[in-house]
Amino acid sequence: MKASLLDIVCCPLDKHDLDLDVTEREEGDDGEIIAGTLTCTDCGETYPIEDGIPNLLPPDMRE
């Protein structure tokens, strides 16, 4: 996932902004994000980023 994606994604529950917490990134300053979490600035729900793909499904729809 590219960090610039944060400009267009939002929390699927309440449409507020998401904060990014990176735990793994490709080499280089502009490297794609491999793992981390996105956290809603309003409701606090977290969404995982795994293998570079953010899982923005609501919590009750995730496996």
Protein backbone atom coordinates (compact mmCIF):
# COMPACT_ATOMS: atom_id res chain seq x y z
CA MET A 1 0.00 0.00 0.00
CA LYS A 2 1.28 3.47 -0.77
CA ALA A 3 1.03 6.09 1.99
CA SER A 4 -0.66 8.43 -0.50
CA LEU A 5 -3.71 6.15 -0.36
CA LEU A 6 -4.57 7.81 2.97
CA ASP A 7 -5.71 10.86 0.99
CA ILE A 8 -8.68 8.92 -0.41
CA VAL A 9 -9.58 6.19 2.11
CA CYS A 10 -11.71 6.67 5.21
CA CYS A 11 -13.28 4.60 7.97
CA PRO A 12 -16.06 2.46 6.43
CA LEU A 13 -18.14 2.81 9.61
CA ASP A 14 -18.26 6.58 10.11
CA LYS A 15 -16.32 8.06 7.16
CA HIS A 16 -13.67 9.78 9.35
CA ASP A 17 -9.94 9.95 8.59
CA LEU A 18 -7.56 7.09 9.33
CA ASP A 19 -4.19 7.26 11.10
CA LEU A 20 -1.40 5.05 9.78
CA ASP A 21 0.92 2.96 11.98
CA VAL A 22 3.61 1.20 9.92
CA THR A 23 5.28 -1.97 11.21
CA GLU A 24 6.97 -3.06 7.96
CA ARG A 25 7.91 -1.09 4.85
CA GLU A 26 9.88 -1.80 1.68
CA GLU A 27 13.35 -0.26 1.59
CA GLY A 28 13.61 3.41 0.75
CA ASP A 29 11.76 6.48 1.94
CA ASP A 30 8.89 5.99 -0.51
CA GLY A 31 8.74 2.22 -0.09
CA GLU A 32 5.33 0.63 -0.04
CA ILE A 33 3.84 -0.28 3.32
CA ILE A 34 3.83 -4.06 3.80
CA ALA A 35 2.30 -4.33 7.29
CA GLY A 36 0.69 -2.06 9.84
CA THR A 37 -2.67 -0.73 10.93
CA LEU A 38 -5.08 2.01 10.02
CA THR A 39 -6.97 3.50 12.98
CA CYS A 40 -10.09 5.66 12.75
CA THR A 41 -9.56 9.09 14.31
CA ASP A 42 -13.16 9.14 15.61
CA CYS A 43 -14.40 5.66 16.59
CA GLY A 44 -10.95 4.09 17.18
CA GLU A 45 -11.64 0.97 15.08
CA THR A 46 -8.45 -0.54 13.64
CA TYR A 47 -7.98 -2.07 10.20
CA PRO A 48 -4.98 -4.30 9.45
CA ILE A 49 -2.58 -3.94 6.54
CA GLU A 50 -1.25 -7.37 5.55
CA ASP A 51 1.02 -8.10 2.59
CA GLY A 52 0.54 -4.50 1.44
CA ILE A 53 -3.26 -4.75 1.32
CA PRO A 54 -5.44 -2.76 3.73
CA ASN A 55 -8.45 -4.73 4.99
CA LEU A 56 -11.18 -2.08 5.25
CA LEU A 57 -14.03 -4.48 5.87
CA PRO A 58 -16.15 -3.65 8.92
CA PRO A 59 -15.12 -5.72 11.97
CA ASP A 60 -18.15 -8.02 11.82
CA MET A 61 -17.34 -8.98 8.21
CA ARG A 62 -13.65 -9.91 8.78
CA GLU A 63 -12.55 -13.49 9.33
